[in-house]
Amino acid sequence: MVHTCATQFITQDHNRLGSRIISHHIREIVESDPSTPIATIIASIKTSMGYTTSYRKAWLAKKHAIEHVYGNWEKSFNKLPCLLQVVQTFLPGFMYKLKTQPITDG
């Protein structure tokens, strides 16, 4: 089957171009500046892919890119007690008190 689309670029929302695919294209942007505004990410996607994405899809793509570059926040937080224990092992005078409280999502 030959592709006969008259336009060179995707010009509207496309269900096959998901946030995970977009996250691969913006990873370097997020790595150099994790606080990059979503509007900048949308503009970058439009420039590189010829596609104007929704705010939601760009936000999810940024979230995925941040997790890929820096790791998952929950997993990192769960490693904290172990890391503090290691610090205490190597610095015997080091003391810490870890206080946590449950959060409800929503």
Protein backbone atom coordinates (compact mmCIF):
# COMPACT_ATOMS: atom_id res chain seq x y z
CA MET A 1 0.00 0.00 0.00
CA VAL A 2 1.38 3.39 -1.00
CA HIS A 3 1.02 6.34 1.35
CA THR A 4 -0.87 9.10 -0.47
CA CYS A 5 -1.17 11.76 2.22
CA ALA A 6 -0.75 15.21 0.66
CA THR A 7 0.87 16.82 3.70
CA GLN A 8 4.41 16.27 4.85
CA PHE A 9 3.67 16.66 8.56
CA ILE A 10 1.06 15.50 11.05
CA THR A 11 -1.09 18.56 11.67
CA GLN A 12 -3.63 17.44 14.24
CA ASP A 13 -3.88 15.17 17.26
CA HIS A 14 -2.68 11.71 16.33
CA ASN A 15 -3.38 8.73 18.56
CA ARG A 16 -0.25 6.88 17.40
CA LEU A 17 2.06 9.68 18.48
CA GLY A 18 1.89 9.14 22.21
CA SER A 19 3.60 10.78 25.13
CA ARG A 20 6.23 8.03 25.42
CA ILE A 21 7.35 8.54 21.82
CA ILE A 22 7.41 12.30 22.32
CA SER A 23 9.42 11.85 25.54
CA HIS A 24 12.28 10.33 23.53
CA HIS A 25 12.40 13.47 21.36
CA ILE A 26 12.47 15.88 24.30
CA ARG A 27 14.78 13.94 26.63
CA GLU A 28 17.81 16.17 25.94
CA ILE A 29 15.75 19.30 26.57
CA VAL A 30 14.53 17.96 29.91
CA GLU A 31 17.99 16.73 30.88
CA SER A 32 19.55 20.14 30.29
CA ASP A 33 16.70 21.98 32.08
CA PRO A 34 14.06 19.97 33.99
CA SER A 35 12.07 23.16 34.58
CA THR A 36 11.49 23.71 30.86
CA PRO A 37 7.95 25.06 30.44
CA ILE A 38 5.37 22.87 28.72
CA ALA A 39 4.83 25.62 26.12
CA THR A 40 8.51 25.32 25.14
CA ILE A 41 8.14 21.55 24.83
CA ILE A 42 5.04 21.94 22.63
CA ALA A 43 6.96 24.39 20.40
CA SER A 44 9.91 21.99 20.18
CA ILE A 45 7.63 19.12 19.18
CA LYS A 46 6.03 21.31 16.52
CA THR A 47 9.45 22.30 15.15
CA SER A 48 10.96 18.81 15.14
CA MET A 49 7.90 16.75 14.25
CA GLY A 50 5.55 19.19 12.54
CA TYR A 51 2.90 18.37 15.10
CA THR A 52 1.08 20.54 17.62
CA THR A 53 0.49 18.30 20.61
CA SER A 54 -1.98 18.82 23.41
CA TYR A 55 -0.83 20.31 26.70
CA ARG A 56 -1.69 17.04 28.47
CA LYS A 57 0.36 14.91 26.08
CA ALA A 58 3.34 17.28 26.36
CA TRP A 59 3.07 17.26 30.15
CA LEU A 60 3.01 13.45 30.23
CA ALA A 61 5.96 13.32 27.82
CA LYS A 62 7.94 15.64 30.09
CA LYS A 63 7.06 13.46 33.10
CA HIS A 64 8.27 10.32 31.27
CA ALA A 65 11.47 12.05 30.15
CA ILE A 66 12.22 13.24 33.70
CA GLU A 67 11.68 9.71 35.03
CA HIS A 68 13.99 8.31 32.37
CA VAL A 69 16.74 10.84 33.11
CA TYR A 70 16.44 11.11 36.90
CA GLY A 71 14.51 8.02 37.94
CA ASN A 72 11.16 7.52 39.60
CA TRP A 73 10.51 9.78 42.61
CA GLU A 74 8.84 7.04 44.67
CA LYS A 75 11.69 4.58 44.13
CA SER A 76 14.24 7.26 44.99
CA PHE A 77 12.36 8.18 48.16
CA ASN A 78 12.17 4.52 49.19
CA LYS A 79 15.98 4.25 48.91
CA LEU A 80 16.48 7.15 51.31
CA PRO A 81 16.52 5.16 54.61
CA CYS A 82 19.15 2.79 53.24
CA LEU A 83 21.31 5.66 51.99
CA LEU A 84 21.08 7.46 55.33
CA GLN A 85 22.13 4.26 57.09
CA VAL A 86 25.20 4.01 54.84
CA VAL A 87 26.13 7.62 55.63
CA GLN A 88 25.77 6.86 59.34
CA THR A 89 28.04 3.82 58.95
CA PHE A 90 30.83 5.91 57.44
CA LEU A 91 30.25 8.97 59.64
CA PRO A 92 29.62 7.58 63.14
CA GLY A 93 28.66 11.00 64.56
CA PHE A 94 26.01 11.51 61.90
CA MET A 95 22.49 11.34 63.30
CA TYR A 96 19.19 11.52 61.51
CA LYS A 97 15.53 11.14 62.27
CA LEU A 98 13.34 10.25 59.33
CA LYS A 99 9.74 11.31 59.78
CA THR A 100 7.18 10.19 57.23
CA GLN A 101 3.47 10.37 56.92
CA PRO A 102 1.13 8.65 54.51
CA ILE A 103 -0.32 10.65 51.66
CA THR A 104 -3.57 10.14 49.89
CA ASP A 105 -3.57 10.46 46.15
CA GLY A 106 -6.29 12.70 44.87
